[in-house]
Amino acid sequence: MQALLGGTDLLSAIAVSRAELVRWEGHEEQTSLLDKVVGLGPLTPEEIESELGGGWVGEEALAIGLHAALVAPDFASAVRVAVNHSGDSDSTGSICGNVLGARDGVAVIPGDWLSVLELRDVIERLALSW
């Protein structure tokens, strides 16, 4: 996320994260999924589950969220890709939204989504206080 907030493109940020990750014991499952995600094109919801899992564990959830962010043309499409599968869609959608928010800022979130966001004023105050 730090790389994205600094203006790094998503593929480069994944590479930076991967380079750090391989320094730690037990990285193999996550690095394998990161490598797979970088090489994939768009997937159907069924293909997401067969290729990346259901998102029920962290490695899979991150892979699905990143996949959606990489293949979709815009924020709304990416979040839809991230949540339209039979797995842990709230986690995968959250990861995708956070990644794209860090990269692109709040302006990419559709206005009609923001207009119905519960506690939007509180969320915005908290975000701006950092």
N, C-alpha and C. Protein backbone atom coordinates (compact mmCIF):
# COMPACT_ATOMS: atom_id res chain seq x y z
N MET A 1 0.82 -1.19 0.00
CA MET A 1 0.00 0.00 0.00
C MET A 1 0.86 1.26 0.00
N GLN A 2 1.95 1.21 0.74
CA GLN A 2 2.80 2.39 0.80
C GLN A 2 3.31 2.77 -0.58
N ALA A 3 3.69 1.77 -1.38
CA ALA A 3 4.17 2.06 -2.73
C ALA A 3 3.07 2.68 -3.57
N LEU A 4 1.83 2.16 -3.45
CA LEU A 4 0.71 2.71 -4.21
C LEU A 4 0.43 4.15 -3.80
N LEU A 5 0.45 4.41 -2.51
CA LEU A 5 0.21 5.77 -2.02
C LEU A 5 1.29 6.74 -2.52
N GLY A 6 2.46 6.20 -2.79
CA GLY A 6 3.55 7.02 -3.30
C GLY A 6 3.55 7.18 -4.81
N GLY A 7 2.56 6.60 -5.48
CA GLY A 7 2.44 6.77 -6.92
C GLY A 7 2.97 5.63 -7.77
N THR A 8 3.41 4.56 -7.15
CA THR A 8 3.90 3.39 -7.89
C THR A 8 2.73 2.69 -8.56
N ASP A 9 2.93 2.20 -9.78
CA ASP A 9 1.87 1.45 -10.45
C ASP A 9 1.67 0.10 -9.76
N LEU A 10 0.52 -0.52 -10.00
CA LEU A 10 0.14 -1.71 -9.26
C LEU A 10 1.09 -2.88 -9.50
N LEU A 11 1.49 -3.14 -10.73
CA LEU A 11 2.41 -4.25 -10.99
C LEU A 11 3.75 -4.05 -10.27
N SER A 12 4.25 -2.84 -10.28
CA SER A 12 5.50 -2.56 -9.58
C SER A 12 5.33 -2.70 -8.07
N ALA A 13 4.20 -2.28 -7.55
CA ALA A 13 3.94 -2.41 -6.11
C ALA A 13 3.87 -3.87 -5.71
N ILE A 14 3.26 -4.70 -6.55
CA ILE A 14 3.22 -6.14 -6.27
C ILE A 14 4.64 -6.70 -6.27
N ALA A 15 5.46 -6.27 -7.21
CA ALA A 15 6.85 -6.74 -7.27
C ALA A 15 7.63 -6.34 -6.01
N VAL A 16 7.43 -5.11 -5.54
CA VAL A 16 8.08 -4.65 -4.32
C VAL A 16 7.63 -5.52 -3.14
N SER A 17 6.34 -5.76 -3.04
CA SER A 17 5.80 -6.58 -1.95
C SER A 17 6.34 -8.01 -2.02
N ARG A 18 6.40 -8.54 -3.22
CA ARG A 18 6.89 -9.90 -3.40
C ARG A 18 8.35 -10.00 -2.98
N ALA A 19 9.15 -9.02 -3.35
CA ALA A 19 10.56 -9.02 -2.98
C ALA A 19 10.75 -9.01 -1.47
N GLU A 20 9.91 -8.30 -0.76
CA GLU A 20 9.97 -8.30 0.70
C GLU A 20 9.46 -9.63 1.26
N LEU A 21 8.41 -10.12 0.69
CA LEU A 21 7.77 -11.34 1.18
C LEU A 21 8.72 -12.54 1.14
N VAL A 22 9.50 -12.68 0.10
CA VAL A 22 10.36 -13.87 -0.03
C VAL A 22 11.47 -13.90 1.02
N ARG A 23 11.65 -12.82 1.72
CA ARG A 23 12.63 -12.79 2.80
C ARG A 23 12.14 -13.50 4.06
N TRP A 24 10.85 -13.83 4.09
CA TRP A 24 10.25 -14.40 5.29
C TRP A 24 9.93 -15.88 5.09
N GLU A 25 10.07 -16.63 6.15
CA GLU A 25 9.75 -18.05 6.13
C GLU A 25 8.25 -18.25 5.90
N GLY A 26 7.90 -19.23 5.11
CA GLY A 26 6.50 -19.56 4.88
C GLY A 26 5.82 -18.71 3.82
N HIS A 27 6.58 -18.07 2.98
CA HIS A 27 6.03 -17.17 1.96
C HIS A 27 5.50 -17.88 0.72
N GLU A 28 5.80 -19.15 0.57
CA GLU A 28 5.62 -19.84 -0.70
C GLU A 28 4.20 -19.80 -1.24
N GLU A 29 3.21 -20.03 -0.39
CA GLU A 29 1.83 -20.04 -0.87
C GLU A 29 1.42 -18.66 -1.40
N GLN A 30 1.79 -17.61 -0.66
CA GLN A 30 1.42 -16.26 -1.10
C GLN A 30 2.19 -15.86 -2.35
N THR A 31 3.48 -16.11 -2.40
CA THR A 31 4.24 -15.72 -3.59
C THR A 31 3.78 -16.49 -4.81
N SER A 32 3.40 -17.74 -4.63
CA SER A 32 2.89 -18.52 -5.76
C SER A 32 1.61 -17.90 -6.31
N LEU A 33 0.71 -17.49 -5.43
CA LEU A 33 -0.54 -16.85 -5.88
C LEU A 33 -0.27 -15.47 -6.49
N LEU A 34 0.66 -14.72 -5.93
CA LEU A 34 1.00 -13.41 -6.52
C LEU A 34 1.54 -13.59 -7.94
N ASP A 35 2.41 -14.57 -8.11
CA ASP A 35 2.96 -14.84 -9.44
C ASP A 35 1.85 -15.23 -10.41
N LYS A 36 0.91 -16.03 -9.94
CA LYS A 36 -0.20 -16.46 -10.80
C LYS A 36 -1.07 -15.27 -11.20
N VAL A 37 -1.39 -14.42 -10.23
CA VAL A 37 -2.26 -13.27 -10.48
C VAL A 37 -1.66 -12.35 -11.54
N VAL A 38 -0.38 -12.11 -11.47
CA VAL A 38 0.27 -11.21 -12.41
C VAL A 38 0.17 -11.74 -13.84
N GLY A 39 0.12 -13.05 -14.00
CA GLY A 39 0.06 -13.63 -15.32
C GLY A 39 -1.33 -13.91 -15.86
N LEU A 40 -2.36 -13.69 -15.06
CA LEU A 40 -3.72 -14.02 -15.49
C LEU A 40 -4.40 -12.88 -16.22
N GLY A 41 -5.25 -13.23 -17.14
CA GLY A 41 -6.17 -12.27 -17.74
C GLY A 41 -7.48 -12.35 -16.98
N PRO A 42 -8.52 -11.71 -17.50
CA PRO A 42 -9.83 -11.73 -16.84
C PRO A 42 -10.35 -13.16 -16.67
N LEU A 43 -10.99 -13.40 -15.53
CA LEU A 43 -11.55 -14.71 -15.20
C LEU A 43 -13.04 -14.59 -14.91
N THR A 44 -13.78 -15.65 -15.19
CA THR A 44 -15.17 -15.72 -14.76
C THR A 44 -15.19 -15.98 -13.26
N PRO A 45 -16.33 -15.79 -12.61
CA PRO A 45 -16.40 -16.11 -11.17
C PRO A 45 -16.00 -17.56 -10.86
N GLU A 46 -16.39 -18.47 -11.72
CA GLU A 46 -16.04 -19.87 -11.52
C GLU A 46 -14.53 -20.09 -11.68
N GLU A 47 -13.95 -19.42 -12.64
CA GLU A 47 -12.50 -19.54 -12.85
C GLU A 47 -11.71 -18.91 -11.70
N ILE A 48 -12.24 -17.84 -11.13
CA ILE A 48 -11.58 -17.23 -9.98
C ILE A 48 -11.43 -18.26 -8.88
N GLU A 49 -12.50 -18.97 -8.58
CA GLU A 49 -12.44 -19.96 -7.51
C GLU A 49 -11.50 -21.12 -7.86
N SER A 50 -11.53 -21.58 -9.09
CA SER A 50 -10.67 -22.71 -9.44
C SER A 50 -9.20 -22.31 -9.54
N GLU A 51 -8.92 -21.09 -9.95
CA GLU A 51 -7.53 -20.64 -10.10
C GLU A 51 -6.94 -20.05 -8.82
N LEU A 52 -7.76 -19.31 -8.06
CA LEU A 52 -7.24 -18.55 -6.93
C LEU A 52 -7.81 -18.96 -5.58
N GLY A 53 -8.85 -19.77 -5.59
CA GLY A 53 -9.50 -20.18 -4.34
C GLY A 53 -10.73 -19.33 -4.06
N GLY A 54 -11.29 -19.52 -2.89
CA GLY A 54 -12.50 -18.82 -2.52
C GLY A 54 -12.29 -17.56 -1.72
N GLY A 55 -11.06 -17.27 -1.37
CA GLY A 55 -10.80 -16.08 -0.58
C GLY A 55 -11.02 -16.28 0.90
N TRP A 56 -11.14 -17.52 1.34
CA TRP A 56 -11.43 -17.79 2.75
C TRP A 56 -10.19 -17.70 3.62
N VAL A 57 -9.01 -17.68 3.01
CA VAL A 57 -7.76 -17.46 3.75
C VAL A 57 -7.08 -16.24 3.14
N GLY A 58 -6.19 -15.64 3.90
CA GLY A 58 -5.59 -14.38 3.49
C GLY A 58 -4.91 -14.42 2.14
N GLU A 59 -4.16 -15.49 1.86
CA GLU A 59 -3.45 -15.58 0.59
C GLU A 59 -4.40 -15.52 -0.59
N GLU A 60 -5.51 -16.25 -0.48
CA GLU A 60 -6.49 -16.28 -1.56
C GLU A 60 -7.24 -14.96 -1.67
N ALA A 61 -7.60 -14.38 -0.54
CA ALA A 61 -8.33 -13.10 -0.57
C ALA A 61 -7.49 -12.01 -1.22
N LEU A 62 -6.21 -11.95 -0.86
CA LEU A 62 -5.33 -10.96 -1.48
C LEU A 62 -5.21 -11.21 -2.97
N ALA A 63 -5.04 -12.46 -3.37
CA ALA A 63 -4.92 -12.79 -4.79
C ALA A 63 -6.16 -12.37 -5.57
N ILE A 64 -7.34 -12.64 -5.04
CA ILE A 64 -8.58 -12.28 -5.74
C ILE A 64 -8.73 -10.77 -5.81
N GLY A 65 -8.48 -10.08 -4.71
CA GLY A 65 -8.58 -8.62 -4.72
C GLY A 65 -7.61 -7.99 -5.70
N LEU A 66 -6.39 -8.48 -5.75
CA LEU A 66 -5.40 -7.97 -6.70
C LEU A 66 -5.77 -8.31 -8.13
N HIS A 67 -6.26 -9.53 -8.35
CA HIS A 67 -6.68 -9.92 -9.69
C HIS A 67 -7.72 -8.94 -10.22
N ALA A 68 -8.71 -8.66 -9.41
CA ALA A 68 -9.78 -7.75 -9.83
C ALA A 68 -9.22 -6.37 -10.14
N ALA A 69 -8.34 -5.88 -9.29
CA ALA A 69 -7.74 -4.56 -9.50
C ALA A 69 -6.89 -4.52 -10.77
N LEU A 70 -6.27 -5.63 -11.11
CA LEU A 70 -5.41 -5.67 -12.30
C LEU A 70 -6.18 -5.78 -13.61
N VAL A 71 -7.30 -6.51 -13.61
CA VAL A 71 -7.95 -6.80 -14.90
C VAL A 71 -9.11 -5.89 -15.26
N ALA A 72 -9.69 -5.22 -14.29
CA ALA A 72 -10.88 -4.41 -14.56
C ALA A 72 -10.50 -3.01 -15.03
N PRO A 73 -11.33 -2.41 -15.88
CA PRO A 73 -11.00 -1.10 -16.43
C PRO A 73 -11.26 0.08 -15.50
N ASP A 74 -12.06 -0.12 -14.46
CA ASP A 74 -12.38 0.99 -13.56
C ASP A 74 -12.73 0.44 -12.18
N PHE A 75 -12.88 1.35 -11.23
CA PHE A 75 -13.13 0.98 -9.83
C PHE A 75 -14.37 0.11 -9.68
N ALA A 76 -15.49 0.55 -10.21
CA ALA A 76 -16.75 -0.18 -10.03
C ALA A 76 -16.65 -1.59 -10.64
N SER A 77 -16.08 -1.68 -11.82
CA SER A 77 -15.93 -3.00 -12.46
C SER A 77 -15.01 -3.89 -11.64
N ALA A 78 -13.94 -3.33 -11.11
CA ALA A 78 -13.00 -4.12 -10.31
C ALA A 78 -13.67 -4.66 -9.05
N VAL A 79 -14.41 -3.83 -8.36
CA VAL A 79 -15.08 -4.29 -7.15
C VAL A 79 -16.11 -5.37 -7.49
N ARG A 80 -16.80 -5.20 -8.61
CA ARG A 80 -17.75 -6.24 -9.01
C ARG A 80 -17.05 -7.57 -9.28
N VAL A 81 -15.91 -7.52 -9.97
CA VAL A 81 -15.14 -8.75 -10.20
C VAL A 81 -14.74 -9.36 -8.85
N ALA A 82 -14.32 -8.53 -7.93
CA ALA A 82 -13.83 -9.00 -6.63
C ALA A 82 -14.92 -9.64 -5.78
N VAL A 83 -16.17 -9.26 -5.97
CA VAL A 83 -17.24 -9.79 -5.11
C VAL A 83 -18.17 -10.79 -5.78
N ASN A 84 -18.13 -10.89 -7.07
CA ASN A 84 -19.06 -11.79 -7.77
C ASN A 84 -18.48 -13.18 -7.96
N HIS A 85 -18.22 -13.84 -6.85
CA HIS A 85 -17.79 -15.24 -6.83
C HIS A 85 -18.41 -15.86 -5.59
N SER A 86 -18.30 -17.17 -5.47
CA SER A 86 -19.02 -17.85 -4.38
C SER A 86 -18.23 -17.89 -3.08
N GLY A 87 -17.08 -17.23 -3.02
CA GLY A 87 -16.25 -17.27 -1.82
C GLY A 87 -16.49 -16.10 -0.89
N ASP A 88 -15.44 -15.72 -0.19
CA ASP A 88 -15.49 -14.69 0.84
C ASP A 88 -15.45 -13.30 0.19
N SER A 89 -16.57 -12.94 -0.41
CA SER A 89 -16.60 -11.75 -1.27
C SER A 89 -16.46 -10.44 -0.51
N ASP A 90 -16.87 -10.37 0.76
CA ASP A 90 -16.69 -9.11 1.47
C ASP A 90 -15.20 -8.83 1.71
N SER A 91 -14.44 -9.86 1.98
CA SER A 91 -13.00 -9.68 2.16
C SER A 91 -12.31 -9.34 0.85
N THR A 92 -12.63 -10.05 -0.20
CA THR A 92 -11.97 -9.81 -1.49
C THR A 92 -12.35 -8.44 -2.05
N GLY A 93 -13.60 -8.05 -1.88
CA GLY A 93 -14.04 -6.72 -2.32
C GLY A 93 -13.37 -5.62 -1.53
N SER A 94 -13.20 -5.83 -0.24
CA SER A 94 -12.55 -4.85 0.61
C SER A 94 -11.09 -4.66 0.21
N ILE A 95 -10.42 -5.75 -0.04
CA ILE A 95 -9.01 -5.67 -0.46
C ILE A 95 -8.89 -4.94 -1.79
N CYS A 96 -9.72 -5.30 -2.74
CA CYS A 96 -9.69 -4.64 -4.05
C CYS A 96 -9.95 -3.14 -3.89
N GLY A 97 -10.98 -2.77 -3.15
CA GLY A 97 -11.31 -1.36 -2.95
C GLY A 97 -10.19 -0.60 -2.26
N ASN A 98 -9.56 -1.22 -1.28
CA ASN A 98 -8.45 -0.56 -0.58
C ASN A 98 -7.26 -0.36 -1.51
N VAL A 99 -6.93 -1.36 -2.31
CA VAL A 99 -5.81 -1.25 -3.25
C VAL A 99 -6.07 -0.12 -4.25
N LEU A 100 -7.25 -0.12 -4.84
CA LEU A 100 -7.56 0.90 -5.84
C LEU A 100 -7.71 2.28 -5.20
N GLY A 101 -8.24 2.33 -3.99
CA GLY A 101 -8.33 3.61 -3.29
C GLY A 101 -6.95 4.18 -2.99
N ALA A 102 -6.02 3.32 -2.59
CA ALA A 102 -4.65 3.79 -2.33
C ALA A 102 -4.00 4.27 -3.62
N ARG A 103 -4.27 3.59 -4.70
CA ARG A 103 -3.65 3.96 -5.97
C ARG A 103 -4.29 5.19 -6.59
N ASP A 104 -5.62 5.26 -6.59
CA ASP A 104 -6.34 6.26 -7.38
C ASP A 104 -7.05 7.34 -6.58
N GLY A 105 -7.24 7.14 -5.28
CA GLY A 105 -7.94 8.12 -4.46
C GLY A 105 -9.45 7.96 -4.49
N VAL A 106 -10.12 8.72 -3.68
CA VAL A 106 -11.57 8.61 -3.50
C VAL A 106 -12.35 9.04 -4.74
N ALA A 107 -11.76 9.84 -5.58
CA ALA A 107 -12.47 10.37 -6.76
C ALA A 107 -12.95 9.28 -7.70
N VAL A 108 -12.35 8.09 -7.65
CA VAL A 108 -12.75 7.02 -8.57
C VAL A 108 -13.96 6.23 -8.08
N ILE A 109 -14.37 6.45 -6.83
CA ILE A 109 -15.53 5.74 -6.29
C ILE A 109 -16.79 6.39 -6.87
N PRO A 110 -17.68 5.59 -7.46
CA PRO A 110 -18.89 6.17 -8.04
C PRO A 110 -19.68 7.00 -7.02
N GLY A 111 -20.13 8.15 -7.45
CA GLY A 111 -20.87 9.05 -6.58
C GLY A 111 -22.12 8.43 -5.97
N ASP A 112 -22.81 7.59 -6.75
CA ASP A 112 -24.01 6.97 -6.19
C ASP A 112 -23.66 5.94 -5.11
N TRP A 113 -22.47 5.39 -5.13
CA TRP A 113 -22.04 4.52 -4.05
C TRP A 113 -21.76 5.34 -2.79
N LEU A 114 -21.11 6.48 -2.97
CA LEU A 114 -20.78 7.33 -1.82
C LEU A 114 -22.02 7.96 -1.20
N SER A 115 -23.01 8.27 -2.02
CA SER A 115 -24.19 8.97 -1.50
C SER A 115 -25.00 8.12 -0.53
N VAL A 116 -24.87 6.81 -0.60
CA VAL A 116 -25.63 5.93 0.31
C VAL A 116 -24.73 5.27 1.36
N LEU A 117 -23.49 5.71 1.43
CA LEU A 117 -22.54 5.13 2.39
C LEU A 117 -22.91 5.54 3.80
N GLU A 118 -23.20 4.56 4.63
CA GLU A 118 -23.54 4.81 6.02
C GLU A 118 -22.34 5.40 6.76
N LEU A 119 -22.58 6.44 7.53
CA LEU A 119 -21.56 7.12 8.32
C LEU A 119 -20.45 7.72 7.45
N ARG A 120 -20.79 8.15 6.27
CA ARG A 120 -19.80 8.71 5.35
C ARG A 120 -19.05 9.88 5.98
N ASP A 121 -19.77 10.76 6.66
CA ASP A 121 -19.11 11.93 7.26
C ASP A 121 -18.07 11.51 8.30
N VAL A 122 -18.37 10.49 9.07
CA VAL A 122 -17.43 9.99 10.08
C VAL A 122 -16.21 9.37 9.40
N ILE A 123 -16.45 8.56 8.39
CA ILE A 123 -15.36 7.91 7.65
C ILE A 123 -14.44 8.96 7.03
N GLU A 124 -15.03 9.98 6.42
CA GLU A 124 -14.21 11.02 5.79
C GLU A 124 -13.41 11.81 6.83
N ARG A 125 -14.01 12.10 7.98
CA ARG A 125 -13.27 12.80 9.04
C ARG A 125 -12.09 11.96 9.53
N LEU A 126 -12.33 10.68 9.72
CA LEU A 126 -11.26 9.79 10.17
C LEU A 126 -10.15 9.71 9.11
N ALA A 127 -10.52 9.58 7.88
CA ALA A 127 -9.52 9.48 6.81
C ALA A 127 -8.68 10.74 6.71
N LEU A 128 -9.33 11.88 6.86
CA LEU A 128 -8.61 13.16 6.72
C LEU A 128 -7.77 13.49 7.95
N SER A 129 -8.01 12.82 9.06
CA SER A 129 -7.26 13.10 10.28
C SER A 129 -5.89 12.42 10.28
N TRP A 130 -5.63 11.59 9.32
CA TRP A 130 -4.33 10.90 9.25
C TRP A 130 -3.39 11.80 8.58
